N, C-alpha and C. Protein backbone atom coordinates (compact mmCIF):
# COMPACT_ATOMS: atom_id res chain seq x y z
N MET A 1 44.03 1.37 21.02
CA MET A 1 43.59 0.37 20.40
C MET A 1 44.03 -0.24 19.03
N THR A 2 43.55 -1.32 19.10
CA THR A 2 44.36 -1.84 17.58
C THR A 2 43.66 -2.82 17.18
N HIS A 3 43.86 -3.49 15.77
CA HIS A 3 42.49 -3.85 15.21
C HIS A 3 42.58 -5.71 15.89
N ASP A 4 43.85 -5.85 16.46
CA ASP A 4 44.29 -7.09 17.13
C ASP A 4 43.15 -7.59 18.32
N GLU A 5 42.56 -6.46 18.73
CA GLU A 5 41.52 -6.72 19.73
C GLU A 5 40.29 -6.87 19.11
N PRO A 6 39.54 -8.09 20.08
CA PRO A 6 38.27 -8.40 19.29
C PRO A 6 37.29 -7.24 19.75
N PHE A 7 36.03 -7.25 18.55
CA PHE A 7 34.97 -6.72 18.56
C PHE A 7 34.23 -7.41 19.35
N VAL A 8 33.00 -6.57 19.99
CA VAL A 8 32.07 -7.02 20.56
C VAL A 8 30.56 -6.61 19.96
N TYR A 9 30.38 -7.71 19.76
CA TYR A 9 28.88 -7.45 18.94
C TYR A 9 27.66 -6.96 19.22
N ARG A 10 27.26 -6.16 18.82
CA ARG A 10 25.45 -5.81 19.59
C ARG A 10 24.53 -5.80 18.57
N ASP A 11 23.65 -6.64 19.07
CA ASP A 11 22.28 -6.51 18.12
C ASP A 11 21.61 -5.16 18.42
N ILE A 12 20.79 -4.35 17.28
CA ILE A 12 20.25 -3.34 17.33
C ILE A 12 18.77 -3.61 16.59
N MET A 13 17.52 -3.29 17.05
CA MET A 13 15.93 -3.52 16.34
C MET A 13 16.21 -2.19 16.29
N THR A 14 15.84 -2.31 14.80
CA THR A 14 15.55 -0.77 13.92
C THR A 14 14.29 -1.04 13.12
N LYS A 15 13.99 0.05 12.80
CA LYS A 15 12.69 0.27 11.65
C LYS A 15 13.92 0.72 10.01
N ALA A 16 13.15 -0.38 9.09
CA ALA A 16 14.14 0.05 8.03
C ALA A 16 13.23 -0.64 6.58
N VAL A 17 13.53 -0.55 5.59
CA VAL A 17 12.91 -0.61 4.45
C VAL A 17 13.63 -2.24 4.62
N CYS A 18 12.45 -3.44 4.91
CA CYS A 18 12.79 -4.44 4.78
C CYS A 18 12.74 -5.62 3.38
N GLY A 19 11.57 -4.59 2.67
CA GLY A 19 11.64 -5.30 1.26
C GLY A 19 10.98 -4.79 0.59
N ARG A 20 11.23 -4.87 -0.89
CA ARG A 20 11.09 -3.94 -2.22
C ARG A 20 10.14 -4.78 -2.99
N GLY A 21 9.07 -4.60 -3.82
CA GLY A 21 8.68 -5.26 -4.92
C GLY A 21 7.96 -4.28 -5.79
N LYS A 22 7.52 -4.70 -7.36
CA LYS A 22 6.90 -4.24 -8.07
C LYS A 22 6.02 -5.09 -8.44
N ARG A 23 4.92 -4.31 -9.35
CA ARG A 23 4.10 -5.25 -10.16
C ARG A 23 3.63 -4.75 -11.10
N TYR A 24 3.66 -5.33 -11.95
CA TYR A 24 2.71 -4.80 -13.77
C TYR A 24 1.71 -5.43 -13.83
N ALA A 25 0.41 -4.68 -14.34
CA ALA A 25 -0.80 -5.43 -14.62
C ALA A 25 -1.49 -5.27 -15.93
N ARG A 26 -1.93 -5.84 -16.50
CA ARG A 26 -2.61 -5.70 -17.91
C ARG A 26 -4.20 -6.71 -17.83
N THR A 27 -5.12 -5.60 -17.53
CA THR A 27 -6.53 -5.98 -17.30
C THR A 27 -7.56 -5.90 -18.20
N THR A 28 -8.26 -6.50 -18.70
CA THR A 28 -9.23 -6.16 -19.79
C THR A 28 -10.74 -6.42 -19.11
N TYR A 29 -11.79 -5.17 -19.46
CA TYR A 29 -12.65 -5.12 -18.82
C TYR A 29 -14.03 -4.77 -19.88
N ARG A 30 -14.97 -5.37 -19.41
CA ARG A 30 -15.59 -5.05 -20.30
C ARG A 30 -17.07 -3.90 -20.18
N LEU A 31 -16.98 -3.13 -20.98
CA LEU A 31 -18.22 -1.84 -20.35
C LEU A 31 -18.99 -2.33 -21.64
N ARG A 32 -20.74 -1.73 -21.08
CA ARG A 32 -21.79 -2.46 -21.87
C ARG A 32 -22.62 -0.46 -21.83
N PRO A 33 -22.39 0.25 -22.85
CA PRO A 33 -22.70 1.44 -23.02
C PRO A 33 -24.28 1.19 -22.90
N GLU A 34 -25.21 2.25 -22.76
CA GLU A 34 -26.26 2.55 -23.14
C GLU A 34 -26.56 2.44 -24.52
N HIS A 35 -26.30 2.82 -25.53
CA HIS A 35 -26.46 2.91 -26.56
C HIS A 35 -25.33 2.20 -27.37
N LEU A 36 -25.83 1.06 -28.19
CA LEU A 36 -24.93 0.19 -28.97
C LEU A 36 -24.02 1.10 -29.75
N PRO A 37 -22.74 0.74 -29.39
CA PRO A 37 -21.31 1.49 -30.49
C PRO A 37 -21.41 1.30 -31.71
N THR A 38 -21.15 1.90 -32.52
CA THR A 38 -20.71 1.67 -34.16
C THR A 38 -19.24 1.95 -34.24
N THR A 39 -18.69 3.01 -32.93
CA THR A 39 -17.28 2.96 -33.51
C THR A 39 -17.10 3.63 -32.23
N VAL A 40 -15.74 3.21 -31.36
CA VAL A 40 -14.79 3.57 -30.59
C VAL A 40 -14.03 5.33 -30.89
N LEU A 41 -14.54 6.24 -30.36
CA LEU A 41 -13.66 7.39 -30.62
C LEU A 41 -12.57 7.79 -29.79
N GLY A 42 -12.56 7.05 -28.49
CA GLY A 42 -11.39 7.22 -27.36
C GLY A 42 -11.71 6.91 -26.04
N CYS A 43 -10.39 6.51 -25.43
CA CYS A 43 -10.65 6.11 -24.03
C CYS A 43 -9.50 6.71 -23.03
N TRP A 44 -10.14 7.06 -21.80
CA TRP A 44 -9.22 7.51 -20.92
C TRP A 44 -9.47 7.06 -19.62
N VAL A 45 -8.53 6.79 -18.56
CA VAL A 45 -8.95 6.60 -17.47
C VAL A 45 -8.43 8.12 -16.30
N ILE A 46 -9.03 7.77 -15.27
CA ILE A 46 -9.06 8.89 -14.29
C ILE A 46 -9.54 8.43 -13.04
N ASN A 47 -8.72 9.46 -12.35
CA ASN A 47 -9.47 9.80 -10.97
C ASN A 47 -8.68 7.97 -9.98
N HIS A 48 -7.66 7.73 -10.50
CA HIS A 48 -6.81 6.36 -9.81
C HIS A 48 -6.53 7.12 -8.22
N ARG A 49 -6.93 6.10 -7.25
CA ARG A 49 -6.90 6.03 -6.25
C ARG A 49 -6.48 4.81 -5.47
N PHE A 50 -5.30 4.76 -4.80
CA PHE A 50 -4.88 3.58 -4.27
C PHE A 50 -4.73 3.65 -2.67
N GLY A 51 -4.46 2.17 -2.24
CA GLY A 51 -4.06 2.02 -0.52
C GLY A 51 -3.39 0.85 -0.56
N ALA A 52 -2.34 0.40 0.45
CA ALA A 52 -1.28 -0.49 0.60
C ALA A 52 -2.00 -1.14 1.90
N ARG A 53 -1.87 -2.52 2.00
CA ARG A 53 -1.63 -3.09 3.65
C ARG A 53 -0.92 -4.39 3.66
N LEU A 54 -0.33 -4.46 4.84
CA LEU A 54 0.29 -5.54 5.16
C LEU A 54 -0.52 -7.02 5.33
N ALA A 55 0.10 -7.83 4.95
CA ALA A 55 -0.80 -9.24 5.61
C ALA A 55 0.38 -10.25 5.42
N GLY A 56 0.78 -10.61 6.46
CA GLY A 56 1.95 -11.45 6.89
C GLY A 56 2.78 -10.78 6.49
N LYS A 57 3.76 -11.58 5.32
CA LYS A 57 4.96 -10.59 4.89
C LYS A 57 4.88 -10.63 3.53
N ASP A 58 3.38 -10.41 3.09
CA ASP A 58 3.12 -10.02 1.85
C ASP A 58 2.13 -8.44 1.51
N ALA A 59 2.62 -7.59 0.77
CA ALA A 59 1.79 -6.25 0.59
C ALA A 59 0.73 -6.61 -0.57
N TYR A 60 -0.20 -5.93 -0.14
CA TYR A 60 -1.58 -5.93 -1.28
C TYR A 60 -1.56 -4.34 -1.36
N ILE A 61 -1.91 -3.95 -2.94
CA ILE A 61 -2.28 -2.55 -3.17
C ILE A 61 -3.47 -2.78 -3.45
N SER A 62 -4.60 -2.53 -3.31
CA SER A 62 -6.21 -2.17 -4.01
C SER A 62 -6.37 -0.79 -4.37
N GLY A 63 -6.89 -0.31 -5.31
CA GLY A 63 -7.72 0.81 -5.59
C GLY A 63 -8.78 0.68 -6.55
N SER A 64 -8.71 2.10 -7.32
CA SER A 64 -9.98 1.97 -8.06
C SER A 64 -9.52 2.99 -9.05
N TYR A 65 -10.30 2.90 -10.50
CA TYR A 65 -10.48 4.51 -10.83
C TYR A 65 -11.27 4.00 -11.89
N ASP A 66 -11.74 5.11 -12.80
CA ASP A 66 -12.76 5.55 -13.68
C ASP A 66 -12.17 4.69 -14.97
N ILE A 67 -12.95 4.59 -15.90
CA ILE A 67 -12.91 4.52 -17.26
C ILE A 67 -13.80 5.01 -18.04
N ASN A 68 -13.54 6.52 -19.22
CA ASN A 68 -14.42 7.00 -19.82
C ASN A 68 -13.96 6.80 -21.22
N LEU A 69 -15.09 5.88 -21.60
CA LEU A 69 -15.06 5.50 -22.83
C LEU A 69 -16.03 6.62 -24.12
N TRP A 70 -15.70 7.31 -25.30
CA TRP A 70 -16.34 7.76 -25.90
C TRP A 70 -16.44 7.27 -27.34
N PHE A 71 -17.35 7.04 -27.40
CA PHE A 71 -18.05 6.17 -28.81
C PHE A 71 -18.91 7.03 -29.80
N ALA A 72 -19.38 6.97 -30.70
CA ALA A 72 -20.15 6.95 -31.52
C ALA A 72 -21.47 5.85 -31.60
N TYR A 73 -22.60 6.11 -31.80
CA TYR A 73 -23.71 5.41 -32.28
C TYR A 73 -24.69 6.00 -33.53
N ASP A 74 -25.84 5.07 -33.33
CA ASP A 74 -26.75 5.63 -34.22
C ASP A 74 -26.25 5.86 -35.40
N ALA A 75 -25.27 4.86 -36.36
CA ALA A 75 -24.49 4.95 -37.47
C ALA A 75 -23.84 6.09 -37.66
N ASN A 76 -23.27 6.29 -36.31
CA ASN A 76 -21.76 7.73 -36.05
C ASN A 76 -22.87 8.99 -36.39
N SER A 77 -23.62 8.91 -36.02
CA SER A 77 -24.40 10.40 -35.86
C SER A 77 -24.75 10.76 -34.72
N LYS A 78 -24.19 10.12 -34.04
CA LYS A 78 -24.57 10.40 -32.28
C LYS A 78 -23.04 10.06 -31.29
N THR A 79 -22.79 11.22 -30.52
CA THR A 79 -21.80 10.87 -29.30
C THR A 79 -22.31 10.46 -28.01
N ASP A 80 -21.33 9.67 -27.42
CA ASP A 80 -21.96 9.92 -26.18
C ASP A 80 -20.47 9.09 -25.11
N VAL A 81 -20.46 9.28 -24.01
CA VAL A 81 -19.05 9.01 -23.11
C VAL A 81 -19.68 7.87 -22.04
N ALA A 82 -19.71 6.90 -21.64
CA ALA A 82 -19.66 5.74 -20.58
C ALA A 82 -18.80 5.61 -19.68
N LYS A 83 -19.40 5.85 -18.67
CA LYS A 83 -18.15 5.85 -17.55
C LYS A 83 -18.51 4.56 -16.39
N GLN A 84 -16.92 3.84 -16.18
CA GLN A 84 -17.51 2.63 -15.18
C GLN A 84 -16.09 2.66 -14.48
N THR A 85 -16.67 2.56 -13.15
CA THR A 85 -15.32 2.61 -12.19
C THR A 85 -15.32 0.97 -11.90
N VAL A 86 -13.97 1.06 -11.66
CA VAL A 86 -13.37 -0.53 -11.82
C VAL A 86 -12.31 -0.70 -10.34
N GLN A 87 -12.75 -1.29 -9.84
CA GLN A 87 -11.42 -2.03 -8.72
C GLN A 87 -10.72 -3.12 -8.73
N TYR A 88 -9.46 -2.97 -8.11
CA TYR A 88 -8.45 -3.93 -8.27
C TYR A 88 -7.59 -3.95 -6.98
N GLU A 89 -6.80 -5.51 -6.97
CA GLU A 89 -5.83 -5.64 -5.78
C GLU A 89 -4.95 -6.79 -6.75
N LEU A 90 -3.66 -5.76 -5.97
CA LEU A 90 -2.79 -6.96 -6.51
C LEU A 90 -1.72 -7.08 -5.49
N ARG A 91 -1.37 -8.43 -5.45
CA ARG A 91 -0.51 -8.85 -4.64
C ARG A 91 1.14 -8.41 -5.43
N VAL A 92 1.99 -7.70 -4.39
CA VAL A 92 3.01 -7.44 -5.04
C VAL A 92 4.28 -8.42 -4.41
N PRO A 93 4.73 -9.09 -4.98
CA PRO A 93 5.82 -9.80 -4.72
C PRO A 93 7.02 -9.27 -3.98
N MET A 94 7.20 -9.45 -2.88
CA MET A 94 8.95 -8.84 -2.42
C MET A 94 10.28 -9.31 -3.05
N GLU A 95 11.07 -8.51 -3.17
CA GLU A 95 12.48 -8.82 -3.73
C GLU A 95 13.21 -8.95 -2.46
N ASP A 96 14.21 -9.83 -1.97
CA ASP A 96 15.01 -9.28 -1.12
C ASP A 96 14.41 -8.86 0.14
N LEU A 97 13.37 -9.99 0.58
CA LEU A 97 12.63 -9.35 1.67
C LEU A 97 13.57 -9.93 2.85
N ASP A 98 13.93 -9.22 3.85
CA ASP A 98 14.92 -9.05 5.16
C ASP A 98 14.48 -10.52 5.47
N GLU A 99 15.25 -11.63 6.01
CA GLU A 99 15.15 -12.56 6.85
C GLU A 99 14.88 -12.56 8.27
N HIS A 100 15.27 -11.08 8.55
CA HIS A 100 14.81 -10.69 10.02
C HIS A 100 13.46 -10.27 10.56
N PHE A 101 12.78 -9.86 9.20
CA PHE A 101 11.49 -9.33 9.52
C PHE A 101 10.37 -9.82 9.86
N THR A 102 9.84 -9.76 10.88
CA THR A 102 8.97 -10.75 11.61
C THR A 102 7.66 -10.34 10.94
N GLY A 103 7.19 -9.48 10.30
CA GLY A 103 6.01 -9.23 9.93
C GLY A 103 4.53 -8.51 10.51
N ARG A 104 5.45 -8.43 11.82
CA ARG A 104 4.69 -7.57 12.84
C ARG A 104 4.96 -6.24 12.75
N ASP A 105 3.74 -5.54 13.06
CA ASP A 105 4.23 -4.01 13.13
C ASP A 105 4.63 -3.22 12.36
N GLY A 106 4.42 -4.11 10.90
CA GLY A 106 4.99 -3.55 9.43
C GLY A 106 3.97 -2.53 8.71
N GLU A 107 4.74 -1.93 8.03
CA GLU A 107 3.88 -0.91 7.44
C GLU A 107 4.08 -1.30 5.82
N VAL A 108 3.35 -0.50 4.58
CA VAL A 108 3.36 -0.92 3.74
C VAL A 108 3.24 0.52 3.09
N HIS A 109 4.20 1.34 2.04
CA HIS A 109 4.29 2.68 1.19
C HIS A 109 4.05 2.20 -0.09
N ALA A 110 3.33 2.76 -0.75
CA ALA A 110 2.83 2.18 -2.20
C ALA A 110 3.10 3.51 -2.99
N ALA A 111 3.49 3.31 -4.12
CA ALA A 111 3.75 4.23 -5.16
C ALA A 111 3.55 3.86 -6.59
N CYS A 112 2.94 4.60 -7.20
CA CYS A 112 2.43 3.91 -8.68
C CYS A 112 3.35 4.79 -9.94
N ILE A 113 4.09 3.75 -10.42
CA ILE A 113 5.37 3.58 -11.54
C ILE A 113 4.61 4.47 -12.46
N GLN A 114 3.45 3.57 -13.29
CA GLN A 114 3.11 3.61 -14.52
C GLN A 114 1.46 4.03 -14.13
N PRO A 115 0.81 5.10 -14.39
CA PRO A 115 -0.21 5.34 -14.31
C PRO A 115 -1.36 4.62 -15.00
N PRO A 116 -2.61 4.34 -14.47
CA PRO A 116 -3.50 3.39 -15.29
C PRO A 116 -4.00 3.76 -16.77
N THR A 117 -3.37 3.23 -18.03
CA THR A 117 -3.64 3.86 -18.90
C THR A 117 -4.28 2.88 -19.98
N CYS A 118 -5.61 3.26 -20.84
CA CYS A 118 -6.23 2.31 -21.86
C CYS A 118 -4.86 1.88 -22.92
N VAL A 119 -4.72 0.84 -23.27
CA VAL A 119 -3.71 0.35 -24.52
C VAL A 119 -4.43 0.05 -25.81
N GLU A 120 -5.51 -0.40 -25.36
CA GLU A 120 -6.46 -1.22 -26.37
C GLU A 120 -7.87 -1.39 -26.54
N THR A 121 -8.85 -1.35 -27.15
CA THR A 121 -10.45 -1.36 -26.97
C THR A 121 -10.73 -2.18 -28.46
N HIS A 122 -12.09 -2.83 -28.09
CA HIS A 122 -12.34 -3.63 -29.04
C HIS A 122 -13.69 -3.67 -29.02
N LEU A 123 -14.79 -3.44 -30.27
CA LEU A 123 -15.95 -3.57 -29.77
C LEU A 123 -16.42 -4.87 -30.22
N GLU A 124 -17.15 -5.36 -29.37
CA GLU A 124 -17.54 -6.79 -29.61
C GLU A 124 -19.29 -7.15 -30.22
N GLU A 125 -18.99 -8.30 -30.84
CA GLU A 125 -20.31 -8.20 -31.56
C GLU A 125 -21.72 -8.37 -30.65
N ASP A 126 -21.78 -8.43 -28.88
CA ASP A 126 -23.00 -8.34 -28.57
C ASP A 126 -23.05 -6.89 -28.01
N GLY A 127 -22.36 -5.76 -28.40
CA GLY A 127 -22.50 -4.29 -28.37
C GLY A 127 -21.49 -4.18 -26.64
N GLN A 128 -21.03 -4.88 -26.52
CA GLN A 128 -20.07 -4.52 -25.27
C GLN A 128 -18.27 -3.77 -25.67
N VAL A 129 -17.93 -3.31 -24.89
CA VAL A 129 -16.39 -2.47 -25.67
C VAL A 129 -15.34 -3.45 -24.56
N ALA A 130 -14.57 -3.83 -24.96
CA ALA A 130 -13.51 -4.51 -24.45
C ALA A 130 -12.58 -3.43 -24.32
N VAL A 131 -11.66 -3.13 -22.82
CA VAL A 131 -10.94 -1.95 -22.80
C VAL A 131 -10.08 -2.73 -21.83
N THR A 132 -8.96 -2.37 -22.41
CA THR A 132 -7.43 -3.29 -21.99
C THR A 132 -6.67 -2.09 -20.81
N VAL A 133 -6.58 -2.42 -19.50
CA VAL A 133 -6.12 -1.22 -18.97
C VAL A 133 -4.61 -1.61 -18.12
N GLU A 134 -3.62 -1.13 -18.66
CA GLU A 134 -2.43 -1.56 -18.26
C GLU A 134 -1.78 -0.62 -17.03
N LEU A 135 -1.13 -0.59 -15.39
CA LEU A 135 -0.61 -0.04 -15.05
C LEU A 135 0.28 -1.01 -14.15
N GLU A 136 1.46 -0.08 -13.51
CA GLU A 136 2.26 -0.76 -12.70
C GLU A 136 2.63 0.03 -11.22
N MET A 137 2.56 -0.84 -10.02
CA MET A 137 3.05 -0.44 -8.90
C MET A 137 4.15 -0.68 -8.39
N ARG A 138 4.55 -0.21 -7.32
CA ARG A 138 5.72 -0.18 -6.65
C ARG A 138 5.12 -0.71 -4.88
N ALA A 139 5.86 -0.86 -4.31
CA ALA A 139 5.35 -1.13 -2.72
C ALA A 139 7.24 -1.78 -2.09
N GLU A 140 6.52 -0.77 -0.92
CA GLU A 140 8.23 -1.23 0.04
C GLU A 140 7.46 -1.32 1.76
N ILE A 141 8.47 -2.50 2.01
CA ILE A 141 7.63 -2.66 3.62
C ILE A 141 8.71 -2.07 4.40
N PHE A 142 8.26 -1.58 5.16
CA PHE A 142 9.00 -0.91 6.52
C PHE A 142 8.69 -1.80 7.87
N GLY A 143 9.66 -1.92 8.84
CA GLY A 143 9.39 -2.89 9.68
C GLY A 143 10.57 -3.32 10.72
N GLU A 144 10.48 -3.53 11.51
CA GLU A 144 11.26 -4.02 12.69
C GLU A 144 12.39 -4.96 11.74
N THR A 145 13.78 -4.98 12.38
CA THR A 145 14.41 -5.47 11.45
C THR A 145 15.63 -5.75 12.65
N MET A 146 16.72 -6.49 12.52
CA MET A 146 17.83 -6.50 13.81
C MET A 146 18.84 -6.46 12.41
N LEU A 147 19.89 -5.53 13.18
CA LEU A 147 21.16 -5.50 12.48
C LEU A 147 22.38 -5.89 14.21
N ARG A 148 23.41 -6.60 13.41
CA ARG A 148 24.40 -6.83 14.53
C ARG A 148 25.59 -5.99 14.04
N VAL A 149 26.11 -5.30 14.95
CA VAL A 149 27.54 -4.48 14.34
C VAL A 149 28.51 -4.85 15.50
N PRO A 150 29.53 -4.74 14.77
CA PRO A 150 30.90 -4.14 16.29
C PRO A 150 30.76 -2.62 16.69
N THR A 151 31.05 -3.27 17.64
CA THR A 151 31.75 -2.12 18.58
C THR A 151 33.12 -2.41 19.16
N VAL A 152 33.31 -1.80 19.76
CA VAL A 152 34.81 -1.22 20.37
C VAL A 152 34.51 -0.73 21.54
N PRO A 153 35.48 -1.19 22.81
CA PRO A 153 34.93 -0.59 23.72
C PRO A 153 35.92 0.83 24.18
N MET A 154 35.08 2.00 24.52
CA MET A 154 35.95 3.34 24.67
C MET A 154 36.77 3.08 25.90
N GLU A 155 38.16 3.63 25.63
CA GLU A 155 38.88 4.00 26.91
C GLU A 155 38.48 5.06 28.01
N GLU A 156 39.05 5.14 29.03
CA GLU A 156 38.26 5.53 30.04
C GLU A 156 38.91 7.22 29.70
N GLY A 157 38.10 8.56 30.02
CA GLY A 157 38.55 9.64 30.10
C GLY A 157 38.20 9.98 28.30
N LYS A 158 38.16 9.13 27.40
CA LYS A 158 37.95 9.54 25.95
C LYS A 158 37.12 9.36 25.54
N LYS A 159 35.58 8.95 25.98
CA LYS A 159 34.30 8.37 26.11
C LYS A 159 33.77 9.79 24.61
N ASP A 160 34.24 10.62 24.28
CA ASP A 160 33.97 12.01 23.21
C ASP A 160 34.55 11.47 21.70
N GLU A 161 35.87 10.46 21.84
CA GLU A 161 36.43 10.60 20.80
C GLU A 161 36.52 9.25 19.90
N LEU A 162 36.41 8.82 19.12
CA LEU A 162 36.40 7.59 18.54
C LEU A 162 38.06 7.31 18.15
N PRO A 163 38.17 6.14 18.41
CA PRO A 163 39.66 5.49 18.17
C PRO A 163 40.01 6.06 16.82
N LYS A 164 41.41 6.55 16.55
CA LYS A 164 42.15 6.83 15.18
C LYS A 164 42.29 5.48 14.27
N ASP A 165 42.24 4.43 14.48
CA ASP A 165 42.62 3.41 13.81
C ASP A 165 41.60 2.55 13.66
N LEU A 166 40.12 2.83 13.47
CA LEU A 166 39.01 2.84 12.81
C LEU A 166 38.86 2.24 11.29
C-alpha cells in the first residue's frame, strides 16, 4: 500500500473533554455579629463544599463555605467568633468548546484552583463587618463528540499487521 491510495474517512462518536474553563470570584459579604465589634482579630473560611451541573452548553458550580469572624467587643475586653454559612453559584465560561458537542448527556467535573480565602475585612459604622472572599474554580465538560479519522483498507491475510508505510 502506498500513500497515493486515498484514505477512507470514518466518523467515530466518543466521550471526551469537550470544553474547559475557569472562573475567579471576589465577593463581599456583610456579617452582623451578636455583639458590636470594636476590632476584627481574624477571619478564616472553612468547610468548602461544591458541585457542578451542566445547563445546555454552560457549566455551573454551586457550593457553600463557612466564614468565621474572630472579633473583640466591649472596648476590646471580650472576644467572640461569629459564624455564617454562605452559598454561591458561578457560571464558568468554556474556552474552546468543541463545536460538535451537542450539550446532551454531558457531565461536568469541577475542581478548586484557589480555595475560598478571606482577603479583607472592614468594620462598618452600623456594626456590620464587611468580609471579602476570593476563590477560583475550574470546570471541564465531558460529553459526546465526533472525530473523523482516516483509515486504510487492510490487505487480505494481513489483518493483524499495520501497513509499514503509514
